[in-house]
Amino acid sequence: MTPEFVIQILRQALMMAFWLSAPLLAVGFVAGIVISLVQIVTSIQDTGFNTIPRLCAFLATFILALPWMLQKLMSYTVGILGDLSRYAR
């Protein structure tokens, strides 16, 4: 196994982790910005008002994106395990 091959495997793993986490992080970021703007406009400084909507948005995105995430993860896993003999050299 050459160093370039190991770098390619690590790059694929990191890109897969990025693509799986990107929708959740994006929705969490947008929800945080919107909730912060609402808090600024209404002068509400309650931590529950800040946390609960973010968690709900995160959970809804996770439930909606789960089939896509599982499909991506399964295709990546099948690709890695399908080339297992190539990694043993």
N, C-alpha and C. Protein backbone atom coordinates (compact mmCIF):
# COMPACT_ATOMS: atom_id res chain seq x y z
N MET A 1 0.86 -1.17 0.00
CA MET A 1 0.00 0.00 0.00
C MET A 1 0.90 1.23 0.00
N THR A 2 0.72 2.06 -0.98
CA THR A 2 1.55 3.25 -1.12
C THR A 2 0.98 4.40 -0.28
N PRO A 3 1.83 5.36 0.03
CA PRO A 3 1.34 6.53 0.78
C PRO A 3 0.24 7.29 0.03
N GLU A 4 0.32 7.34 -1.28
CA GLU A 4 -0.71 8.01 -2.06
C GLU A 4 -2.06 7.31 -1.92
N PHE A 5 -2.02 5.99 -1.86
CA PHE A 5 -3.25 5.21 -1.71
C PHE A 5 -3.88 5.47 -0.35
N VAL A 6 -3.05 5.53 0.68
CA VAL A 6 -3.55 5.81 2.03
C VAL A 6 -4.14 7.22 2.09
N ILE A 7 -3.47 8.17 1.46
CA ILE A 7 -3.99 9.54 1.42
C ILE A 7 -5.33 9.58 0.70
N GLN A 8 -5.47 8.82 -0.37
CA GLN A 8 -6.74 8.77 -1.10
C GLN A 8 -7.85 8.20 -0.23
N ILE A 9 -7.57 7.14 0.51
CA ILE A 9 -8.57 6.55 1.40
C ILE A 9 -8.97 7.53 2.49
N LEU A 10 -8.00 8.19 3.09
CA LEU A 10 -8.30 9.18 4.14
C LEU A 10 -9.08 10.36 3.58
N ARG A 11 -8.74 10.80 2.37
CA ARG A 11 -9.47 11.91 1.75
C ARG A 11 -10.93 11.52 1.52
N GLN A 12 -11.15 10.30 1.03
CA GLN A 12 -12.52 9.84 0.82
C GLN A 12 -13.30 9.77 2.13
N ALA A 13 -12.65 9.29 3.19
CA ALA A 13 -13.31 9.20 4.48
C ALA A 13 -13.66 10.58 5.03
N LEU A 14 -12.75 11.53 4.90
CA LEU A 14 -13.02 12.89 5.39
C LEU A 14 -14.09 13.57 4.56
N MET A 15 -14.09 13.37 3.26
CA MET A 15 -15.13 13.96 2.42
C MET A 15 -16.49 13.35 2.74
N MET A 16 -16.53 12.05 3.01
CA MET A 16 -17.79 11.41 3.37
C MET A 16 -18.30 11.98 4.69
N ALA A 17 -17.41 12.16 5.65
CA ALA A 17 -17.82 12.75 6.93
C ALA A 17 -18.32 14.18 6.74
N PHE A 18 -17.67 14.92 5.86
CA PHE A 18 -18.13 16.28 5.57
C PHE A 18 -19.51 16.28 4.95
N TRP A 19 -19.73 15.45 3.93
CA TRP A 19 -21.02 15.44 3.24
C TRP A 19 -22.15 14.94 4.14
N LEU A 20 -21.83 14.03 5.06
CA LEU A 20 -22.87 13.54 5.97
C LEU A 20 -23.23 14.58 7.02
N SER A 21 -22.27 15.38 7.43
CA SER A 21 -22.55 16.37 8.48
C SER A 21 -22.98 17.72 7.93
N ALA A 22 -22.74 18.00 6.67
CA ALA A 22 -23.03 19.32 6.10
C ALA A 22 -24.49 19.75 6.23
N PRO A 23 -25.48 18.91 5.91
CA PRO A 23 -26.86 19.39 6.04
C PRO A 23 -27.23 19.73 7.48
N LEU A 24 -26.77 18.92 8.42
CA LEU A 24 -27.09 19.18 9.82
C LEU A 24 -26.42 20.46 10.32
N LEU A 25 -25.17 20.64 9.95
CA LEU A 25 -24.47 21.85 10.38
C LEU A 25 -25.05 23.10 9.73
N ALA A 26 -25.43 23.00 8.47
CA ALA A 26 -26.01 24.16 7.78
C ALA A 26 -27.34 24.58 8.41
N VAL A 27 -28.19 23.60 8.68
CA VAL A 27 -29.49 23.93 9.30
C VAL A 27 -29.28 24.46 10.71
N GLY A 28 -28.36 23.89 11.46
CA GLY A 28 -28.08 24.40 12.80
C GLY A 28 -27.56 25.82 12.77
N PHE A 29 -26.72 26.11 11.78
CA PHE A 29 -26.18 27.47 11.63
C PHE A 29 -27.28 28.46 11.28
N VAL A 30 -28.11 28.13 10.30
CA VAL A 30 -29.19 29.03 9.88
C VAL A 30 -30.20 29.21 11.01
N ALA A 31 -30.54 28.12 11.68
CA ALA A 31 -31.49 28.23 12.80
C ALA A 31 -30.91 29.10 13.91
N GLY A 32 -29.64 28.98 14.18
CA GLY A 32 -29.00 29.81 15.20
C GLY A 32 -29.03 31.29 14.85
N ILE A 33 -28.76 31.59 13.57
CA ILE A 33 -28.79 32.99 13.13
C ILE A 33 -30.21 33.56 13.24
N VAL A 34 -31.20 32.79 12.78
CA VAL A 34 -32.59 33.27 12.82
C VAL A 34 -33.05 33.47 14.26
N ILE A 35 -32.74 32.52 15.12
CA ILE A 35 -33.16 32.62 16.52
C ILE A 35 -32.46 33.78 17.21
N SER A 36 -31.19 34.00 16.89
CA SER A 36 -30.48 35.14 17.47
C SER A 36 -31.08 36.46 17.01
N LEU A 37 -31.47 36.54 15.75
CA LEU A 37 -32.12 37.76 15.26
C LEU A 37 -33.46 37.99 15.95
N VAL A 38 -34.22 36.92 16.14
CA VAL A 38 -35.50 37.06 16.84
C VAL A 38 -35.27 37.50 18.28
N GLN A 39 -34.24 36.97 18.93
CA GLN A 39 -33.93 37.38 20.30
C GLN A 39 -33.52 38.84 20.36
N ILE A 40 -32.78 39.30 19.37
CA ILE A 40 -32.36 40.70 19.36
C ILE A 40 -33.56 41.62 19.18
N VAL A 41 -34.45 41.23 18.26
CA VAL A 41 -35.62 42.08 17.97
C VAL A 41 -36.58 42.11 19.15
N THR A 42 -36.79 40.97 19.81
CA THR A 42 -37.79 40.91 20.89
C THR A 42 -37.19 41.11 22.27
N SER A 43 -35.88 41.18 22.37
CA SER A 43 -35.17 41.34 23.65
C SER A 43 -35.44 40.19 24.61
N ILE A 44 -35.67 39.00 24.10
CA ILE A 44 -35.83 37.82 24.93
C ILE A 44 -34.46 37.18 25.10
N GLN A 45 -34.04 36.97 26.33
CA GLN A 45 -32.73 36.38 26.59
C GLN A 45 -32.84 35.05 27.33
N ASP A 46 -33.89 34.31 27.08
CA ASP A 46 -34.11 33.02 27.72
C ASP A 46 -33.30 31.95 26.99
N THR A 47 -32.57 31.10 27.73
CA THR A 47 -31.76 30.07 27.09
C THR A 47 -32.62 28.96 26.48
N GLY A 48 -33.77 28.72 27.07
CA GLY A 48 -34.69 27.73 26.50
C GLY A 48 -35.20 28.15 25.13
N PHE A 49 -35.43 29.45 24.97
CA PHE A 49 -35.87 29.98 23.68
C PHE A 49 -34.78 29.84 22.63
N ASN A 50 -33.55 29.79 23.07
CA ASN A 50 -32.42 29.65 22.17
C ASN A 50 -32.17 28.19 21.81
N THR A 51 -32.30 27.29 22.76
CA THR A 51 -31.89 25.90 22.57
C THR A 51 -32.97 25.04 21.93
N ILE A 52 -34.19 25.14 22.39
CA ILE A 52 -35.26 24.26 21.94
C ILE A 52 -35.52 24.35 20.43
N PRO A 53 -35.65 25.55 19.84
CA PRO A 53 -35.86 25.59 18.38
C PRO A 53 -34.69 25.03 17.57
N ARG A 54 -33.47 25.26 18.06
CA ARG A 54 -32.30 24.69 17.37
C ARG A 54 -32.34 23.17 17.40
N LEU A 55 -32.66 22.62 18.54
CA LEU A 55 -32.75 21.16 18.65
C LEU A 55 -33.87 20.60 17.78
N CYS A 56 -34.98 21.29 17.72
CA CYS A 56 -36.09 20.84 16.87
C CYS A 56 -35.71 20.90 15.40
N ALA A 57 -35.05 21.97 14.97
CA ALA A 57 -34.61 22.08 13.58
C ALA A 57 -33.58 21.01 13.25
N PHE A 58 -32.67 20.76 14.17
CA PHE A 58 -31.65 19.73 13.98
C PHE A 58 -32.30 18.35 13.87
N LEU A 59 -33.25 18.06 14.74
CA LEU A 59 -33.93 16.76 14.73
C LEU A 59 -34.75 16.58 13.46
N ALA A 60 -35.46 17.61 13.04
CA ALA A 60 -36.25 17.52 11.80
C ALA A 60 -35.35 17.29 10.60
N THR A 61 -34.23 17.99 10.54
CA THR A 61 -33.28 17.79 9.44
C THR A 61 -32.69 16.40 9.48
N PHE A 62 -32.37 15.92 10.66
CA PHE A 62 -31.81 14.58 10.79
C PHE A 62 -32.80 13.52 10.30
N ILE A 63 -34.06 13.67 10.68
CA ILE A 63 -35.08 12.70 10.27
C ILE A 63 -35.30 12.76 8.76
N LEU A 64 -35.34 13.97 8.19
CA LEU A 64 -35.55 14.10 6.76
C LEU A 64 -34.34 13.66 5.93
N ALA A 65 -33.14 13.89 6.43
CA ALA A 65 -31.93 13.56 5.69
C ALA A 65 -31.42 12.14 5.97
N LEU A 66 -32.00 11.45 6.92
CA LEU A 66 -31.50 10.13 7.29
C LEU A 66 -31.49 9.13 6.14
N PRO A 67 -32.53 9.02 5.32
CA PRO A 67 -32.44 8.07 4.20
C PRO A 67 -31.29 8.39 3.24
N TRP A 68 -31.12 9.66 2.93
CA TRP A 68 -30.02 10.06 2.06
C TRP A 68 -28.67 9.77 2.70
N MET A 69 -28.54 10.06 4.00
CA MET A 69 -27.29 9.81 4.71
C MET A 69 -26.97 8.33 4.76
N LEU A 70 -27.97 7.50 5.02
CA LEU A 70 -27.75 6.06 5.06
C LEU A 70 -27.37 5.53 3.69
N GLN A 71 -27.99 6.05 2.64
CA GLN A 71 -27.65 5.60 1.28
C GLN A 71 -26.20 5.95 0.95
N LYS A 72 -25.78 7.18 1.28
CA LYS A 72 -24.40 7.60 1.04
C LYS A 72 -23.42 6.75 1.84
N LEU A 73 -23.74 6.51 3.10
CA LEU A 73 -22.86 5.73 3.96
C LEU A 73 -22.77 4.28 3.52
N MET A 74 -23.89 3.72 3.09
CA MET A 74 -23.88 2.33 2.60
C MET A 74 -23.06 2.20 1.32
N SER A 75 -23.20 3.15 0.40
CA SER A 75 -22.43 3.07 -0.84
C SER A 75 -20.94 3.23 -0.55
N TYR A 76 -20.59 4.09 0.39
CA TYR A 76 -19.18 4.24 0.77
C TYR A 76 -18.65 2.96 1.41
N THR A 77 -19.43 2.38 2.30
CA THR A 77 -19.00 1.15 2.98
C THR A 77 -18.86 0.00 2.01
N VAL A 78 -19.81 -0.13 1.09
CA VAL A 78 -19.72 -1.20 0.09
C VAL A 78 -18.49 -0.98 -0.79
N GLY A 79 -18.21 0.26 -1.13
CA GLY A 79 -17.02 0.55 -1.93
C GLY A 79 -15.73 0.21 -1.20
N ILE A 80 -15.67 0.53 0.08
CA ILE A 80 -14.47 0.23 0.86
C ILE A 80 -14.31 -1.27 1.06
N LEU A 81 -15.39 -1.94 1.46
CA LEU A 81 -15.29 -3.38 1.70
C LEU A 81 -15.18 -4.18 0.42
N GLY A 82 -15.68 -3.63 -0.68
CA GLY A 82 -15.55 -4.32 -1.96
C GLY A 82 -14.12 -4.35 -2.46
N ASP A 83 -13.31 -3.37 -2.08
CA ASP A 83 -11.91 -3.31 -2.48
C ASP A 83 -10.99 -3.76 -1.36
N LEU A 84 -11.48 -4.57 -0.46
CA LEU A 84 -10.69 -4.99 0.70
C LEU A 84 -9.43 -5.74 0.30
N SER A 85 -9.51 -6.53 -0.76
CA SER A 85 -8.31 -7.27 -1.19
C SER A 85 -7.23 -6.32 -1.68
N ARG A 86 -7.63 -5.19 -2.22
CA ARG A 86 -6.66 -4.20 -2.71
C ARG A 86 -5.91 -3.54 -1.54
N TYR A 87 -6.58 -3.43 -0.39
CA TYR A 87 -5.95 -2.80 0.77
C TYR A 87 -4.98 -3.73 1.48
N ALA A 88 -5.12 -5.02 1.31
CA ALA A 88 -4.29 -5.98 2.02
C ALA A 88 -2.88 -6.08 1.44
N ARG A 89 -2.70 -5.58 0.24
CA ARG A 89 -1.36 -5.67 -0.37
C ARG A 89 -0.40 -4.73 0.25
